[in-house]
Amino acid sequence: MIELIKKTNINFLGKRYIAFVVSGILSLIGIIAVIQIATGHANLGIDFAGGTAIQFKFEKPVALHDIRLALEAGGLKDFDLQDLPSENKILIRVKKTDYKLGEVSETITSILSQKVTVNKYVVDSITEIGPKVGGRLRADAARAVAFAVVGILIYVAFRFQFKFGVGATVATFHDVLAVLGIFFIMGREINLILITALLTIAGYSLTDTVVIFDRIRENLKLKQRESVEAVMNTSINEVLSRTIITSITVLFTSIALFFFGGEVLHDFSLAIIMGVVIGTFSSIFVASPIVLIWGGKRPFAKK
């Protein structure tokens, strides 16, 4: 691996208590977000809250402002618009309303046929999700994240030790909670795309953590006379270049998606950017310190 940073001697674990305060705040925000999502008080997408999404393809370019004015004039409320300018497409999403399933799409089509007469269009797709289905999807998404975290615990505990597994699991869960909490504070929509991003972040965070743990395990065998804390600090410093290069390359692709990937990938790429930064932080300042605090003495290291 290219040595981006020469040999360093940073006392990462000496700053663990400051890091724990930052992580505690992020995790608390994430827990609040989970509670709000479970009670339906967050900005839930139609995947979880129920609603209708209808996509129109127009013959000529169309302005979002004109469509918004037309729908408002037709009496439609609480809707979101998303455009795909390169394909002359408009996506209209309406969350759960007093309308019955099927009535929303008919109402929107009727309004556009009356208000937009100079630009021909066709209905590209219609997606309708009832409140019960949305609730079930919300529960399934929570299970998916929970199963992923449990799987991480089992894998790392089997490959290393149970203490390492707990450290990796806590760090991964911390990353998921932190990104979810930030999205909640920003008022971003919580939907299945975000859940996909969170599971991707969990995988990235685990990979980064395992690399550090692998170096710690090697050095614990080679440096028997040093304290576990010193060995852990040395190990983190030794893989620091690898950690930074990996994070930067993932950030480059995620930032490119954020600016050039279109509106559909905007939230996904934003979550990945946050997850890479937070995941790198947790691999160094959360996972390793937890292992150190739990069993940072030589008898633990010799096992």
Protein backbone atom coordinates (compact mmCIF):
# COMPACT_ATOMS: atom_id res chain seq x y z
CA MET A 1 0.00 0.00 0.00
CA ILE A 2 1.27 3.49 -0.83
CA GLU A 3 2.62 5.08 2.33
CA LEU A 4 0.66 8.32 2.20
CA ILE A 5 1.67 9.19 5.75
CA LYS A 6 5.10 8.29 7.07
CA LYS A 7 5.60 6.60 10.42
CA THR A 8 3.44 8.26 13.06
CA ASN A 9 3.23 7.95 16.81
CA ILE A 10 -0.18 9.40 17.65
CA ASN A 11 -1.70 8.44 20.99
CA PHE A 12 -5.17 7.60 19.65
CA LEU A 13 -6.30 5.62 22.68
CA GLY A 14 -5.26 8.44 24.99
CA LYS A 15 -8.09 10.49 23.45
CA ARG A 16 -10.67 7.76 23.87
CA TYR A 17 -12.72 9.51 26.56
CA ILE A 18 -13.15 12.65 24.42
CA ALA A 19 -14.16 10.36 21.54
CA PHE A 20 -16.65 8.56 23.80
CA VAL A 21 -18.38 11.87 24.56
CA VAL A 22 -18.72 12.65 20.84
CA SER A 23 -19.89 9.10 20.10
CA GLY A 24 -22.36 9.22 22.99
CA ILE A 25 -23.96 12.40 21.64
CA LEU A 26 -24.21 10.94 18.11
CA SER A 27 -25.65 7.68 19.44
CA LEU A 28 -28.19 9.51 21.61
CA ILE A 29 -29.40 11.48 18.59
CA GLY A 30 -29.65 8.20 16.69
CA ILE A 31 -31.69 6.56 19.45
CA ILE A 32 -34.07 9.53 19.48
CA ALA A 33 -34.38 9.20 15.70
CA VAL A 34 -35.22 5.48 16.00
CA ILE A 35 -37.95 6.25 18.54
CA GLN A 36 -39.42 8.98 16.34
CA ILE A 37 -39.33 6.71 13.29
CA ALA A 38 -41.00 3.87 15.20
CA THR A 39 -43.80 6.20 16.33
CA GLY A 40 -44.20 7.68 12.84
CA HIS A 41 -43.09 11.21 13.76
CA ALA A 42 -40.08 11.39 11.44
CA ASN A 43 -40.02 12.45 7.79
CA LEU A 44 -40.85 8.99 6.47
CA GLY A 45 -40.92 8.24 2.77
CA ILE A 46 -43.85 6.52 1.14
CA ASP A 47 -41.96 3.22 1.58
CA PHE A 48 -42.60 3.43 5.33
CA ALA A 49 -45.50 5.85 5.72
CA GLY A 50 -47.57 4.72 2.74
CA GLY A 51 -48.59 6.86 -0.19
CA THR A 52 -48.37 7.20 -3.95
CA ALA A 53 -45.49 7.86 -6.35
CA ILE A 54 -46.33 8.59 -9.99
CA GLN A 55 -43.80 9.37 -12.71
CA PHE A 56 -44.59 11.29 -15.90
CA LYS A 57 -42.52 11.50 -19.06
CA PHE A 58 -43.02 14.74 -20.98
CA GLU A 59 -42.43 15.41 -24.65
CA LYS A 60 -40.54 18.64 -23.95
CA PRO A 61 -38.51 19.92 -20.96
CA VAL A 62 -40.75 20.97 -18.09
CA ALA A 63 -40.10 23.19 -15.06
CA LEU A 64 -40.76 21.87 -11.57
CA HIS A 65 -42.19 25.26 -10.60
CA ASP A 66 -44.91 25.03 -13.27
CA ILE A 67 -45.93 21.53 -12.14
CA ARG A 68 -45.99 22.65 -8.50
CA LEU A 69 -48.25 25.60 -9.29
CA ALA A 70 -50.56 23.39 -11.33
CA LEU A 71 -50.94 20.81 -8.56
CA GLU A 72 -51.48 23.45 -5.89
CA ALA A 73 -54.09 25.15 -8.05
CA GLY A 74 -55.80 21.76 -8.39
CA GLY A 75 -56.03 21.43 -4.58
CA LEU A 76 -53.33 18.82 -4.03
CA LYS A 77 -51.38 19.16 -0.77
CA ASP A 78 -48.35 17.56 0.93
CA PHE A 79 -46.56 16.38 -2.19
CA ASP A 80 -42.89 16.23 -3.24
CA LEU A 81 -41.50 16.75 -6.72
CA GLN A 82 -38.36 15.32 -8.24
CA ASP A 83 -37.18 15.86 -11.80
CA LEU A 84 -34.93 14.00 -14.21
CA PRO A 85 -34.09 16.81 -16.67
CA SER A 86 -32.08 14.62 -19.04
CA GLU A 87 -35.15 12.43 -19.67
CA ASN A 88 -37.90 15.07 -19.26
CA LYS A 89 -39.37 13.12 -16.38
CA ILE A 90 -41.15 14.33 -13.24
CA LEU A 91 -41.72 12.15 -10.16
CA ILE A 92 -44.59 13.20 -7.89
CA ARG A 93 -44.81 11.65 -4.44
CA VAL A 94 -47.78 12.05 -2.13
CA LYS A 95 -47.58 10.60 1.37
CA LYS A 96 -50.53 9.04 3.16
CA THR A 97 -53.66 11.13 2.75
CA ASP A 98 -57.41 10.81 3.16
CA TYR A 99 -57.59 9.56 -0.43
CA LYS A 100 -58.07 5.88 -1.09
CA LEU A 101 -55.43 3.97 -3.02
CA GLY A 102 -55.87 4.74 -6.70
CA GLU A 103 -57.60 8.07 -6.15
CA VAL A 104 -54.35 10.02 -5.76
CA SER A 105 -52.94 8.98 -9.13
CA GLU A 106 -56.28 9.68 -10.82
CA THR A 107 -56.45 13.13 -9.20
CA ILE A 108 -52.90 14.04 -10.25
CA THR A 109 -53.46 12.84 -13.81
CA SER A 110 -56.70 14.80 -14.00
CA ILE A 111 -55.05 18.01 -12.72
CA LEU A 112 -52.17 17.79 -15.19
CA SER A 113 -54.48 17.04 -18.11
CA GLN A 114 -56.35 20.27 -17.30
CA LYS A 115 -53.43 22.53 -16.37
CA VAL A 116 -50.63 21.27 -18.64
CA THR A 117 -52.02 21.25 -22.17
CA VAL A 118 -49.09 22.45 -24.29
CA ASN A 119 -46.67 19.70 -23.32
CA LYS A 120 -47.79 16.13 -24.00
CA TYR A 121 -46.91 13.43 -21.47
CA VAL A 122 -47.39 9.77 -20.64
CA VAL A 123 -47.58 8.02 -17.27
CA ASP A 124 -44.30 6.15 -16.84
CA SER A 125 -45.01 4.32 -13.60
CA ILE A 126 -47.30 4.32 -10.57
CA THR A 127 -46.35 2.99 -7.13
CA GLU A 128 -48.94 2.82 -4.36
CA ILE A 129 -48.23 1.62 -0.82
CA GLY A 130 -50.90 1.38 1.87
CA PRO A 131 -50.20 2.34 5.51
CA LYS A 132 -50.19 -1.32 6.65
CA VAL A 133 -47.65 -2.29 4.01
CA GLY A 134 -45.54 0.75 4.95
CA GLY A 135 -45.56 -0.32 8.60
CA ARG A 136 -44.49 -3.81 7.63
CA LEU A 137 -41.65 -2.47 5.48
CA ARG A 138 -40.54 -0.31 8.41
CA ALA A 139 -40.42 -3.37 10.69
CA ASP A 140 -38.59 -5.44 8.05
CA ALA A 141 -35.98 -2.68 7.62
CA ALA A 142 -35.34 -2.65 11.38
CA ARG A 143 -34.92 -6.43 11.34
CA ALA A 144 -32.49 -6.22 8.42
CA VAL A 145 -30.23 -3.82 10.32
CA ALA A 146 -30.49 -5.89 13.51
CA PHE A 147 -29.62 -9.15 11.70
CA ALA A 148 -26.64 -7.44 10.03
CA VAL A 149 -25.29 -6.26 13.40
CA VAL A 150 -25.75 -9.70 15.00
CA GLY A 151 -24.03 -11.30 12.00
CA ILE A 152 -21.09 -8.95 12.46
CA LEU A 153 -20.82 -9.90 16.14
CA ILE A 154 -20.77 -13.63 15.31
CA TYR A 155 -18.25 -13.23 12.47
CA VAL A 156 -15.73 -11.10 14.38
CA ALA A 157 -16.11 -13.16 17.57
CA PHE A 158 -15.36 -16.31 15.54
CA ARG A 159 -12.42 -14.79 13.66
CA PHE A 160 -10.85 -13.05 16.67
CA GLN A 161 -12.37 -13.19 20.17
CA PHE A 162 -15.71 -12.29 21.67
CA LYS A 163 -14.28 -9.01 23.05
CA PHE A 164 -13.23 -8.00 19.55
CA GLY A 165 -16.67 -8.97 18.26
CA VAL A 166 -18.38 -6.73 20.79
CA GLY A 167 -16.05 -3.83 19.92
CA ALA A 168 -16.74 -4.19 16.19
CA THR A 169 -20.48 -4.57 16.77
CA VAL A 170 -20.73 -1.49 18.99
CA ALA A 171 -18.71 0.55 16.46
CA THR A 172 -20.91 -0.59 13.57
CA PHE A 173 -24.14 0.07 15.47
CA HIS A 174 -22.73 3.47 16.45
CA ASP A 175 -22.15 4.33 12.78
CA VAL A 176 -25.68 3.33 11.78
CA LEU A 177 -27.24 5.31 14.64
CA ALA A 178 -25.06 8.36 13.95
CA VAL A 179 -25.95 8.60 10.24
CA LEU A 180 -29.62 7.93 10.96
CA GLY A 181 -29.62 10.62 13.65
CA ILE A 182 -27.99 13.21 11.39
CA PHE A 183 -30.51 12.49 8.63
CA PHE A 184 -33.31 12.89 11.18
CA ILE A 185 -31.97 16.25 12.41
CA MET A 186 -31.57 17.46 8.80
CA GLY A 187 -35.18 16.54 8.12
CA ARG A 188 -34.18 14.23 5.26
CA GLU A 189 -36.57 11.54 4.14
CA ILE A 190 -36.21 8.14 5.81
CA ASN A 191 -36.81 5.49 3.17
CA LEU A 192 -35.55 2.17 1.84
CA ILE A 193 -32.72 3.89 -0.05
CA LEU A 194 -31.38 5.16 3.28
CA ILE A 195 -31.64 1.66 4.78
CA THR A 196 -29.59 0.36 1.84
CA ALA A 197 -26.98 3.02 2.55
CA LEU A 198 -26.91 2.13 6.26
CA LEU A 199 -26.27 -1.55 5.48
CA THR A 200 -23.50 -0.50 3.07
CA ILE A 201 -21.98 1.66 5.81
CA ALA A 202 -22.10 -1.27 8.22
CA GLY A 203 -20.10 -3.38 5.77
CA TYR A 204 -17.55 -0.64 5.18
CA SER A 205 -17.12 0.05 8.89
CA LEU A 206 -16.62 -3.65 9.61
CA THR A 207 -13.94 -3.98 6.92
CA ASP A 208 -12.02 -1.00 8.28
CA THR A 209 -12.28 -2.30 11.85
CA VAL A 210 -11.15 -5.83 10.93
CA VAL A 211 -7.97 -4.47 9.28
CA ILE A 212 -7.05 -2.67 12.51
CA PHE A 213 -7.94 -5.69 14.65
CA ASP A 214 -5.84 -7.95 12.43
CA ARG A 215 -2.76 -5.76 12.94
CA ILE A 216 -3.43 -5.59 16.69
CA ARG A 217 -3.59 -9.39 16.87
CA GLU A 218 -0.30 -9.73 14.99
CA ASN A 219 1.50 -7.19 17.16
CA LEU A 220 0.19 -8.66 20.42
CA LYS A 221 2.09 -11.84 19.55
CA LEU A 222 5.26 -10.03 18.45
CA LYS A 223 5.50 -7.44 21.23
CA GLN A 224 4.97 -9.44 24.38
CA ARG A 225 6.72 -7.00 26.70
CA GLU A 226 4.71 -3.92 25.75
CA SER A 227 1.36 -3.00 27.28
CA VAL A 228 -1.77 -3.77 25.31
CA GLU A 229 -2.56 -0.05 25.01
CA ALA A 230 0.87 0.66 23.52
CA VAL A 231 0.53 -2.24 21.08
CA MET A 232 -2.93 -1.03 20.01
CA ASN A 233 -1.66 2.51 19.44
CA THR A 234 1.26 1.19 17.40
CA SER A 235 -1.08 -0.99 15.31
CA ILE A 236 -3.47 1.87 14.55
CA ASN A 237 -0.54 4.08 13.52
CA GLU A 238 0.86 1.34 11.28
CA VAL A 239 -2.36 1.00 9.27
CA LEU A 240 -3.17 4.73 9.32
CA SER A 241 -2.04 5.25 5.71
CA ARG A 242 -4.16 2.33 4.54
CA THR A 243 -7.18 3.64 6.48
CA ILE A 244 -6.86 7.16 5.05
CA ILE A 245 -6.29 5.99 1.45
CA THR A 246 -9.29 3.65 1.61
CA SER A 247 -11.50 6.37 3.08
CA ILE A 248 -10.40 8.97 0.52
CA THR A 249 -11.02 6.69 -2.47
CA VAL A 250 -14.51 5.83 -1.23
CA LEU A 251 -15.16 9.52 -0.53
CA PHE A 252 -14.11 10.47 -4.08
CA THR A 253 -16.64 8.10 -5.64
CA SER A 254 -19.37 9.06 -3.16
CA ILE A 255 -18.82 12.79 -3.72
CA ALA A 256 -18.94 12.21 -7.49
CA LEU A 257 -22.28 10.41 -7.05
CA PHE A 258 -23.54 13.22 -4.83
CA PHE A 259 -22.88 15.95 -7.41
CA PHE A 260 -23.32 14.08 -10.69
CA GLY A 261 -25.43 11.01 -9.89
CA GLY A 262 -28.77 12.77 -10.07
CA GLU A 263 -31.49 13.40 -7.51
CA VAL A 264 -32.31 9.71 -7.10
CA LEU A 265 -28.85 8.94 -5.68
CA HIS A 266 -28.49 12.19 -3.73
CA ASP A 267 -29.53 10.89 -0.29
CA PHE A 268 -27.76 7.56 -0.79
CA SER A 269 -24.43 9.19 -1.63
CA LEU A 270 -24.83 11.74 1.18
CA ALA A 271 -25.34 8.91 3.69
CA ILE A 272 -22.28 7.06 2.35
CA ILE A 273 -20.14 10.21 2.70
CA MET A 274 -21.24 10.60 6.32
CA GLY A 275 -20.81 6.90 6.96
CA VAL A 276 -17.23 6.81 5.64
CA VAL A 277 -16.17 9.70 7.89
CA ILE A 278 -17.98 8.35 10.96
CA GLY A 279 -16.94 4.76 10.22
CA THR A 280 -13.26 5.72 10.03
CA PHE A 281 -13.62 7.61 13.30
CA SER A 282 -15.34 4.68 15.06
CA SER A 283 -12.81 2.10 13.85
CA ILE A 284 -10.06 4.06 15.61
CA PHE A 285 -11.79 5.74 18.54
CA VAL A 286 -14.67 3.36 19.39
CA ALA A 287 -13.91 -0.26 18.46
CA SER A 288 -10.33 -0.50 19.75
CA PRO A 289 -10.92 1.45 23.01
CA ILE A 290 -13.86 -0.85 23.88
CA VAL A 291 -11.61 -3.90 23.48
CA LEU A 292 -8.92 -2.17 25.56
CA ILE A 293 -11.28 -1.23 28.39
CA TRP A 294 -12.86 -4.69 28.49
CA GLY A 295 -9.66 -6.72 28.53
CA GLY A 296 -6.57 -4.61 28.08
CA LYS A 297 -4.15 -6.69 30.13
CA ARG A 298 -1.54 -9.19 29.11
CA PRO A 299 -3.44 -12.37 30.13
CA PHE A 300 -6.11 -11.31 27.65
CA ALA A 301 -3.48 -10.68 24.99
CA LYS A 302 -1.85 -14.09 25.37
CA LYS A 303 -5.07 -16.06 24.87
